[in-house]
Amino acid sequence: MRDRIFYGWWVLAGIFASYTALVGVQVYTLPLFYPELTAEFGWSKQSISYAATIFFLTGASITPFVSSLFDRYSARIFMIAGGCITVLGLLAYRSMETLTHLTVIYIVLAFSQVCAGQVPTILVVTRWFRRYRGIAVGITLTGTSIGGAVFPLVFNYVMENGGWRDAITVFLILCAVMMLLPYIFLVRSRPEDKGLPPDGDEAAEAKRSSQKNKIEGPTMKEALRNPAFYILALATGALWFTMNGIYNNQSFFMSEELGLPRSTYSLIFSAIFWFAIAGKLLFGHMSDRLDKISIMILVVILLLTGLFFLRLSSTGNLMYLYAYAAVFGLGFGGTFTLIQLVIAEFFAGHSYGKILGVLTAVDVACGGLGISVIAEMERIYGSYLPVLEMLMGLTSVVAVMVVVLYRIRRNQAKRLQPATVVPDRCP
């Protein structure tokens, strides 16, 4: 009988804190600074959006190369480097004066996302947990939504008592504490580093090792011959184009086109992520009991409905904005979780890391393009309303793609052995 807590839970606590800070600040809070930069420096929203796009495109271009190193070297070392880069990048952000300076900062921050972001985070968690992997991954992904829900409130509080440089200083300190301390004192790359098996269960690990070769999953070459790979790339890329593009432009839409004060749209930002937390937990729980692809169809429909409410908010009725925050937030959280689960549904196995790295790079690139494309369309049309209508059409097409995925998976299930049909395991 064990009288100590399995060390993997301490690793998970460290991962939770660090990933919450990394994504919560860089991805979900920095867009709140855009109107402040426009007001102080006179930069156009398009110029700021282009700099943010470079952040995502840089990350997408280097992710496949850096990810290949995590199997050969300690992922923890990369994470510590990512934490240091984050602190230095935010320190430079605090003294920023030119648009070129902003662009360089975003390029630097992109390296921190690759070194400490989604791929190494999920990799470390899946190494430490097998039997409790679903719970562990769910907790990890929930952290990003908590960061997105809490940090905008912190931003609003600091802005009421100071300026945007003061706010950056606060987030710099938060990242230093929430990332570097856990990486140094809690996180370890593998359970073997502590002389432990995954989940701390020697019997389960021995059984798993004896069955190791029964579920290998497709190779990268086999994945590239599977039409599901390309449909997933298109569908998830379109989803990130929509979600990331909307999120990084909605502060401009709400402040300039709707005329809302900072306190109101900061609250909307926060509400989206409280509902995203509920979405991740709810749909993650449902996915353990129901068909994952069917649930993904549901969350895409929620995203579409949320965009519809955002379009209606142009009438000036705040209730539509709150409905947008609730419905889009649920869909956002569910989509984030289901993308990971559906990719594993098709491609889990010994090449899962490579396949996930490629698909993640596609998603990050599309998310980055969404920021600048939406900003440019607003410049051309003079309003975000036609953009919202375009995104509603795109999301409708994604729903059809997911239905096609369902049919592909059903047809493949007829030809494959049961052990390899739904391999909810990662290496």
Protein backbone atom coordinates (compact mmCIF):
# COMPACT_ATOMS: atom_id res chain seq x y z
CA MET A 1 0.00 0.00 0.00
CA ARG A 2 1.43 3.34 -1.00
CA ASP A 3 1.53 6.11 1.58
CA ARG A 4 2.75 8.78 -0.80
CA ILE A 5 1.05 10.64 -3.61
CA PHE A 6 2.18 9.50 -7.05
CA TYR A 7 4.75 12.07 -8.21
CA GLY A 8 2.99 12.42 -11.56
CA TRP A 9 0.27 14.46 -9.87
CA TRP A 10 2.92 16.97 -8.76
CA VAL A 11 4.18 17.06 -12.33
CA LEU A 12 0.61 17.69 -13.48
CA ALA A 13 0.24 20.54 -10.97
CA GLY A 14 3.40 22.15 -12.33
CA ILE A 15 2.30 21.65 -15.93
CA PHE A 16 -1.13 23.09 -15.13
CA ALA A 17 0.32 26.27 -13.61
CA SER A 18 2.92 26.83 -16.32
CA TYR A 19 0.61 26.13 -19.27
CA THR A 20 -2.06 28.37 -17.75
CA ALA A 21 0.41 31.26 -17.65
CA LEU A 22 1.99 30.61 -21.05
CA VAL A 23 -1.23 30.41 -23.09
CA GLY A 24 -3.33 32.60 -20.82
CA VAL A 25 -0.96 35.55 -21.13
CA GLN A 26 0.55 35.24 -24.60
CA VAL A 27 -2.45 34.01 -26.57
CA TYR A 28 -5.50 35.19 -24.64
CA THR A 29 -4.44 38.37 -22.80
CA LEU A 30 -2.02 40.20 -25.10
CA PRO A 31 -4.87 40.92 -27.61
CA LEU A 32 -6.44 43.10 -24.90
CA PHE A 33 -3.44 45.42 -25.24
CA TYR A 34 -4.09 46.13 -28.93
CA PRO A 35 -6.49 49.07 -28.45
CA GLU A 36 -4.02 50.56 -25.95
CA LEU A 37 -1.19 50.32 -28.48
CA THR A 38 -3.37 51.91 -31.14
CA ALA A 39 -4.25 54.77 -28.79
CA GLU A 40 -0.66 55.45 -27.71
CA PHE A 41 1.29 54.88 -30.92
CA GLY A 42 -1.35 55.41 -33.59
CA TRP A 43 -0.68 51.99 -35.13
CA SER A 44 -3.47 50.58 -37.27
CA LYS A 45 -5.27 47.42 -36.23
CA GLN A 46 -4.01 45.80 -39.44
CA SER A 47 -0.37 46.51 -38.52
CA ILE A 48 -0.79 45.07 -35.05
CA SER A 49 -2.62 42.05 -36.46
CA TYR A 50 0.21 41.41 -38.93
CA ALA A 51 2.71 41.33 -36.04
CA ALA A 52 0.49 38.86 -34.17
CA THR A 53 0.19 36.76 -37.33
CA ILE A 54 3.98 36.52 -37.54
CA PHE A 55 3.92 35.15 -33.98
CA PHE A 56 1.73 32.23 -35.06
CA LEU A 57 3.42 31.64 -38.42
CA THR A 58 6.85 31.57 -36.81
CA GLY A 59 5.62 29.02 -34.30
CA ALA A 60 4.04 26.92 -37.04
CA SER A 61 7.21 26.89 -39.14
CA ILE A 62 9.53 25.71 -36.36
CA THR A 63 7.17 23.37 -34.45
CA PRO A 64 7.85 20.22 -36.56
CA PHE A 65 11.63 20.67 -36.24
CA VAL A 66 11.77 21.42 -32.51
CA SER A 67 9.17 18.75 -31.70
CA SER A 68 11.41 16.08 -33.19
CA LEU A 69 13.99 16.88 -30.47
CA PHE A 70 11.70 16.12 -27.54
CA ASP A 71 12.18 12.35 -27.94
CA ARG A 72 15.98 12.65 -27.91
CA TYR A 73 16.50 15.34 -25.29
CA SER A 74 14.83 16.40 -22.05
CA ALA A 75 11.54 18.19 -22.74
CA ARG A 76 11.92 19.87 -19.34
CA ILE A 77 15.06 21.68 -20.50
CA PHE A 78 13.15 23.08 -23.46
CA MET A 79 10.33 24.13 -21.13
CA ILE A 80 12.73 25.99 -18.83
CA ALA A 81 14.12 27.75 -21.91
CA GLY A 82 10.58 28.60 -22.98
CA GLY A 83 9.85 30.12 -19.58
CA CYS A 84 12.99 32.25 -19.72
CA ILE A 85 12.14 33.43 -23.25
CA THR A 86 8.64 34.37 -22.10
CA VAL A 87 9.96 36.53 -19.26
CA LEU A 88 12.54 38.22 -21.50
CA GLY A 89 9.95 38.80 -24.24
CA LEU A 90 7.50 40.45 -21.85
CA LEU A 91 10.31 42.54 -20.39
CA ALA A 92 11.06 43.80 -23.90
CA TYR A 93 7.31 44.36 -24.49
CA ARG A 94 7.25 46.70 -21.49
CA SER A 95 9.81 49.04 -23.09
CA MET A 96 8.45 48.75 -26.64
CA GLU A 97 8.31 51.91 -28.76
CA THR A 98 8.07 50.86 -32.44
CA LEU A 99 6.06 48.46 -34.56
CA THR A 100 9.27 46.71 -35.59
CA HIS A 101 10.03 46.19 -31.93
CA LEU A 102 6.58 44.59 -31.47
CA THR A 103 7.17 42.24 -34.42
CA VAL A 104 10.56 41.10 -33.10
CA ILE A 105 9.04 40.49 -29.67
CA TYR A 106 6.35 38.31 -31.18
CA ILE A 107 8.96 36.29 -33.08
CA VAL A 108 10.84 35.75 -29.82
CA LEU A 109 7.66 34.75 -27.98
CA ALA A 110 6.90 32.22 -30.73
CA PHE A 111 10.00 30.28 -29.69
CA SER A 112 8.72 30.15 -26.11
CA GLN A 113 5.43 28.66 -27.36
CA VAL A 114 7.25 25.95 -29.30
CA CYS A 115 9.62 25.12 -26.44
CA ALA A 116 7.00 25.10 -23.67
CA GLY A 117 3.63 25.01 -25.44
CA GLN A 118 1.11 22.39 -26.49
CA VAL A 119 3.32 19.67 -27.98
CA PRO A 120 5.86 19.30 -25.11
CA THR A 121 3.12 19.84 -22.52
CA ILE A 122 0.85 17.09 -23.87
CA LEU A 123 3.90 14.85 -24.46
CA VAL A 124 5.04 15.09 -20.83
CA VAL A 125 1.53 14.52 -19.47
CA THR A 126 0.95 11.46 -21.67
CA ARG A 127 4.29 10.00 -20.59
CA TRP A 128 3.37 10.27 -16.92
CA PHE A 129 -0.21 9.04 -17.27
CA ARG A 130 -1.80 6.14 -19.14
CA ARG A 131 -4.68 4.87 -17.05
CA TYR A 132 -5.56 8.42 -15.95
CA ARG A 133 -4.52 10.07 -19.20
CA GLY A 134 -7.95 11.47 -20.06
CA ILE A 135 -8.31 13.16 -16.69
CA ALA A 136 -4.75 14.47 -16.79
CA VAL A 137 -5.02 15.92 -20.31
CA GLY A 138 -8.42 17.43 -19.46
CA ILE A 139 -7.00 19.18 -16.39
CA THR A 140 -4.07 20.48 -18.44
CA LEU A 141 -6.26 21.93 -21.20
CA THR A 142 -8.63 23.48 -18.67
CA GLY A 143 -5.71 25.57 -17.43
CA THR A 144 -5.62 27.58 -20.65
CA SER A 145 -9.27 28.54 -20.24
CA ILE A 146 -8.73 29.52 -16.62
CA GLY A 147 -5.90 31.79 -17.78
CA GLY A 148 -8.18 33.24 -20.44
CA ALA A 149 -10.93 33.80 -17.86
CA VAL A 150 -8.87 35.26 -15.00
CA PHE A 151 -6.11 37.26 -16.69
CA PRO A 152 -8.45 39.67 -18.57
CA LEU A 153 -9.91 40.59 -15.17
CA VAL A 154 -6.40 41.20 -13.87
CA PHE A 155 -5.71 43.32 -16.95
CA ASN A 156 -8.83 45.41 -16.38
CA TYR A 157 -8.00 45.96 -12.69
CA VAL A 158 -4.44 47.09 -13.41
CA MET A 159 -5.57 49.34 -16.27
CA GLU A 160 -8.00 51.11 -13.94
CA ASN A 161 -5.12 51.91 -11.59
CA GLY A 162 -2.25 52.37 -14.05
CA GLY A 163 -1.21 51.93 -17.68
CA TRP A 164 -0.57 49.08 -20.09
CA ARG A 165 3.13 48.96 -19.18
CA ASP A 166 2.15 48.35 -15.56
CA ALA A 167 -0.12 45.54 -16.74
CA ILE A 168 2.73 43.95 -18.70
CA THR A 169 4.90 44.10 -15.58
CA VAL A 170 2.25 42.22 -13.60
CA PHE A 171 2.00 39.51 -16.26
CA LEU A 172 5.80 39.29 -16.48
CA ILE A 173 5.96 38.53 -12.76
CA LEU A 174 3.09 36.05 -13.00
CA CYS A 175 4.84 34.16 -15.82
CA ALA A 176 8.15 34.09 -13.96
CA VAL A 177 6.49 32.56 -10.89
CA MET A 178 3.96 30.28 -12.60
CA MET A 179 6.34 28.93 -15.27
CA LEU A 180 9.93 28.89 -14.05
CA LEU A 181 9.33 27.69 -10.49
CA PRO A 182 7.21 24.66 -11.52
CA TYR A 183 9.60 23.75 -14.35
CA ILE A 184 12.57 23.83 -11.99
CA PHE A 185 11.08 22.22 -8.89
CA LEU A 186 8.15 20.02 -10.04
CA VAL A 187 8.19 19.05 -13.70
CA ARG A 188 10.20 16.04 -14.91
CA SER A 189 10.20 14.85 -18.52
CA ARG A 190 9.52 11.15 -17.87
CA PRO A 191 8.44 8.97 -14.92
CA GLU A 192 11.70 7.06 -15.42
CA ASP A 193 13.50 10.19 -14.22
CA LYS A 194 12.05 9.43 -10.78
CA GLY A 195 12.33 5.65 -11.11
CA LEU A 196 8.56 5.28 -11.55
CA PRO A 197 6.20 3.72 -14.11
CA PRO A 198 3.30 5.74 -15.58
CA ASP A 199 0.47 6.23 -13.06
CA GLY A 200 2.81 4.73 -10.43
CA ASP A 201 1.28 1.32 -11.19
CA GLU A 202 3.95 -1.35 -11.74
CA ALA A 203 1.42 -4.11 -12.46
CA ALA A 204 -0.41 -2.10 -15.11
CA GLU A 205 2.89 -1.10 -16.71
CA ALA A 206 4.05 -4.71 -16.87
CA LYS A 207 0.80 -5.72 -18.55
CA ARG A 208 1.02 -2.82 -20.98
CA SER A 209 4.61 -3.72 -21.87
CA SER A 210 3.57 -7.30 -22.65
CA GLN A 211 0.91 -5.97 -25.06
CA LYS A 212 3.12 -3.22 -26.45
CA ASN A 213 3.17 -4.44 -30.01
CA LYS A 214 -0.55 -5.10 -30.33
CA ILE A 215 -1.49 -1.45 -30.97
CA GLU A 216 1.07 0.34 -33.08
CA GLY A 217 -1.12 2.71 -35.06
CA PRO A 218 -0.37 4.12 -38.51
CA THR A 219 3.03 5.39 -39.56
CA MET A 220 3.48 8.89 -40.95
CA LYS A 221 3.49 7.49 -44.50
CA GLU A 222 0.29 5.58 -43.85
CA ALA A 223 -1.32 8.70 -42.37
CA LEU A 224 -0.44 10.67 -45.50
CA ARG A 225 -2.31 8.06 -47.56
CA ASN A 226 -5.39 8.38 -45.37
CA PRO A 227 -7.96 10.96 -46.63
CA ALA A 228 -8.92 11.59 -43.00
CA PHE A 229 -5.52 13.25 -42.47
CA TYR A 230 -6.22 15.92 -45.08
CA ILE A 231 -9.82 16.45 -44.02
CA LEU A 232 -8.66 16.84 -40.42
CA ALA A 233 -5.98 19.32 -41.51
CA LEU A 234 -8.54 21.39 -43.44
CA ALA A 235 -11.26 21.18 -40.79
CA THR A 236 -9.11 21.91 -37.75
CA GLY A 237 -7.16 24.58 -39.65
CA ALA A 238 -10.44 26.31 -40.56
CA LEU A 239 -11.61 26.09 -36.95
CA TRP A 240 -8.43 27.71 -35.65
CA PHE A 241 -8.59 30.34 -38.42
CA THR A 242 -12.05 31.23 -37.11
CA MET A 243 -11.48 30.98 -33.36
CA ASN A 244 -8.08 32.64 -33.22
CA GLY A 245 -9.01 35.27 -35.79
CA ILE A 246 -12.17 36.24 -33.93
CA TYR A 247 -10.50 36.30 -30.53
CA ASN A 248 -7.64 38.52 -31.65
CA ASN A 249 -9.96 41.00 -33.40
CA GLN A 250 -12.92 41.11 -31.06
CA SER A 251 -11.43 43.80 -28.82
CA PHE A 252 -11.38 46.12 -31.87
CA PHE A 253 -14.91 45.05 -32.85
CA MET A 254 -16.32 45.60 -29.37
CA SER A 255 -14.46 48.83 -28.61
CA GLU A 256 -14.67 50.59 -32.00
CA GLU A 257 -17.66 49.15 -33.86
CA LEU A 258 -19.90 48.48 -30.85
CA GLY A 259 -18.53 51.34 -28.76
CA LEU A 260 -18.19 49.29 -25.57
CA PRO A 261 -15.99 50.44 -22.67
CA ARG A 262 -12.95 48.40 -21.68
CA SER A 263 -14.63 47.14 -18.51
CA THR A 264 -17.47 45.59 -20.53
CA TYR A 265 -15.46 43.85 -23.23
CA SER A 266 -12.92 42.62 -20.68
CA LEU A 267 -15.85 40.96 -18.92
CA ILE A 268 -16.96 39.37 -22.20
CA PHE A 269 -13.42 38.07 -22.79
CA SER A 270 -13.41 36.53 -19.32
CA ALA A 271 -16.90 35.02 -19.69
CA ILE A 272 -15.91 33.25 -22.91
CA PHE A 273 -13.25 31.31 -21.05
CA TRP A 274 -15.36 30.46 -18.03
CA PHE A 275 -17.76 28.82 -20.45
CA ALA A 276 -14.79 27.26 -22.29
CA ILE A 277 -13.81 25.59 -19.01
CA ALA A 278 -17.31 24.14 -18.78
CA GLY A 279 -17.06 23.06 -22.44
CA LYS A 280 -13.78 21.23 -21.93
CA LEU A 281 -15.03 19.39 -18.87
CA LEU A 282 -18.49 18.64 -20.24
CA PHE A 283 -17.51 17.47 -23.71
CA GLY A 284 -14.38 15.73 -22.45
CA HIS A 285 -16.57 13.75 -20.06
CA MET A 286 -19.06 13.00 -22.82
CA SER A 287 -16.31 11.81 -25.15
CA ASP A 288 -15.44 8.98 -22.74
CA ARG A 289 -18.98 7.64 -23.14
CA LEU A 290 -20.20 8.72 -26.58
CA ASP A 291 -18.82 8.84 -30.10
CA LYS A 292 -16.13 11.53 -30.27
CA ILE A 293 -16.75 12.59 -33.86
CA SER A 294 -20.48 12.99 -33.21
CA ILE A 295 -19.65 15.25 -30.26
CA MET A 296 -17.30 17.25 -32.47
CA ILE A 297 -20.20 17.92 -34.85
CA LEU A 298 -22.12 19.30 -31.86
CA VAL A 299 -19.33 21.65 -30.73
CA VAL A 300 -18.87 22.99 -34.27
CA ILE A 301 -22.60 23.79 -34.35
CA LEU A 302 -22.15 25.65 -31.05
CA LEU A 303 -19.36 27.73 -32.60
CA LEU A 304 -21.62 28.55 -35.55
CA THR A 305 -24.45 29.57 -33.22
CA GLY A 306 -22.06 31.74 -31.19
CA LEU A 307 -20.95 33.57 -34.34
CA PHE A 308 -24.61 34.17 -35.17
CA PHE A 309 -25.15 35.83 -31.78
CA LEU A 310 -22.03 37.96 -32.27
CA ARG A 311 -23.42 39.12 -35.61
CA LEU A 312 -26.72 40.04 -33.93
CA SER A 313 -24.84 42.10 -31.30
CA SER A 314 -24.53 44.86 -33.90
CA THR A 315 -28.13 45.76 -33.01
CA GLY A 316 -26.80 47.15 -29.73
CA ASN A 317 -28.46 44.56 -27.49
CA LEU A 318 -25.90 43.40 -24.92
CA MET A 319 -27.84 40.19 -24.34
CA TYR A 320 -26.61 38.94 -27.71
CA LEU A 321 -23.02 39.50 -26.58
CA TYR A 322 -23.58 37.54 -23.40
CA ALA A 323 -25.23 34.77 -25.42
CA TYR A 324 -22.19 34.83 -27.72
CA ALA A 325 -19.84 34.48 -24.74
CA ALA A 326 -21.79 31.50 -23.39
CA VAL A 327 -22.40 29.56 -26.61
CA PHE A 328 -19.13 30.37 -28.38
CA GLY A 329 -17.23 29.71 -25.14
CA LEU A 330 -18.78 26.24 -24.78
CA GLY A 331 -18.01 25.50 -28.42
CA PHE A 332 -14.48 26.85 -28.13
CA GLY A 333 -13.66 24.69 -25.12
CA GLY A 334 -15.25 21.63 -26.65
CA THR A 335 -13.50 22.15 -29.98
CA PHE A 336 -10.09 22.52 -28.36
CA THR A 337 -10.54 19.20 -26.56
CA LEU A 338 -12.24 17.26 -29.34
CA ILE A 339 -9.58 18.18 -31.92
CA GLN A 340 -6.97 16.38 -29.80
CA LEU A 341 -9.23 13.38 -29.20
CA VAL A 342 -10.33 12.97 -32.82
CA ILE A 343 -6.73 13.14 -34.06
CA ALA A 344 -5.90 10.36 -31.60
CA GLU A 345 -9.00 8.48 -32.77
CA PHE A 346 -7.44 8.13 -36.21
CA PHE A 347 -3.68 8.27 -35.64
CA ALA A 348 -2.70 7.24 -32.11
CA GLY A 349 0.31 4.95 -32.06
CA HIS A 350 4.07 5.04 -32.46
CA SER A 351 3.96 7.92 -34.99
CA TYR A 352 1.38 9.96 -33.10
CA GLY A 353 3.91 12.60 -32.03
CA LYS A 354 5.03 13.31 -35.60
CA ILE A 355 1.47 13.36 -36.92
CA LEU A 356 0.30 15.60 -34.09
CA GLY A 357 3.25 17.94 -34.69
CA VAL A 358 2.36 18.37 -38.37
CA LEU A 359 -1.35 18.91 -37.72
CA THR A 360 -0.56 21.31 -34.87
CA ALA A 361 1.70 23.31 -37.19
CA VAL A 362 -1.15 23.56 -39.71
CA ASP A 363 -3.55 24.72 -36.99
CA VAL A 364 -1.14 27.32 -35.62
CA ALA A 365 -0.43 28.68 -39.11
CA CYS A 366 -4.14 28.93 -39.93
CA GLY A 367 -4.83 30.57 -36.58
CA GLY A 368 -2.16 33.16 -37.31
CA LEU A 369 -3.50 33.84 -40.80
CA GLY A 370 -6.98 34.29 -39.36
CA ILE A 371 -5.81 37.31 -37.37
CA SER A 372 -4.46 39.28 -40.32
CA VAL A 373 -7.01 38.12 -42.91
CA ILE A 374 -9.91 39.20 -40.69
CA ALA A 375 -8.25 42.53 -39.95
CA GLU A 376 -7.62 43.13 -43.66
CA MET A 377 -11.20 42.23 -44.56
CA GLU A 378 -12.43 44.73 -41.97
CA ARG A 379 -10.25 47.40 -43.59
CA ILE A 380 -11.69 46.60 -47.04
CA TYR A 381 -15.35 46.45 -45.95
CA GLY A 382 -15.14 49.04 -43.17
CA SER A 383 -16.93 46.68 -40.79
CA TYR A 384 -16.53 43.29 -39.14
CA LEU A 385 -20.10 42.27 -40.02
CA PRO A 386 -19.31 40.86 -43.50
CA VAL A 387 -16.37 39.05 -41.91
CA LEU A 388 -18.66 37.39 -39.38
CA GLU A 389 -20.96 36.25 -42.17
CA MET A 390 -17.98 34.75 -44.03
CA LEU A 391 -16.87 32.91 -40.88
CA MET A 392 -20.36 31.54 -40.35
CA GLY A 393 -20.21 30.09 -43.87
CA LEU A 394 -16.74 28.64 -43.25
CA THR A 395 -17.86 27.03 -39.99
CA SER A 396 -20.84 25.48 -41.79
CA VAL A 397 -18.42 23.89 -44.28
CA VAL A 398 -16.38 22.51 -41.35
CA ALA A 399 -19.51 20.86 -39.95
CA VAL A 400 -19.93 19.05 -43.28
CA MET A 401 -16.24 17.99 -43.17
CA VAL A 402 -16.70 16.46 -39.73
CA VAL A 403 -19.70 14.49 -41.02
CA VAL A 404 -17.45 13.17 -43.80
CA LEU A 405 -14.87 12.20 -41.14
CA TYR A 406 -17.57 10.25 -39.34
CA ARG A 407 -18.34 8.28 -42.51
CA ILE A 408 -14.64 7.64 -43.21
CA ARG A 409 -14.07 6.37 -39.68
CA ARG A 410 -17.15 4.13 -39.92
CA ASN A 411 -15.96 2.63 -43.22
CA GLN A 412 -12.43 2.11 -41.88
CA ALA A 413 -13.83 0.42 -38.78
CA LYS A 414 -15.31 -2.29 -40.96
CA ARG A 415 -11.86 -3.17 -42.32
CA LEU A 416 -9.67 -2.83 -39.22
CA GLN A 417 -9.22 -5.00 -36.18
CA PRO A 418 -11.10 -3.72 -33.10
CA ALA A 419 -7.83 -3.07 -31.27
CA THR A 420 -6.75 -0.57 -33.88
CA VAL A 421 -10.08 1.09 -34.64
CA VAL A 422 -10.23 3.46 -31.71
CA PRO A 423 -6.74 3.50 -30.21
CA ASP A 424 -7.28 6.07 -27.48
CA ARG A 425 -3.65 5.77 -26.52
CA CYS A 426 -0.66 7.91 -27.23
CA PRO A 427 2.94 6.79 -27.10
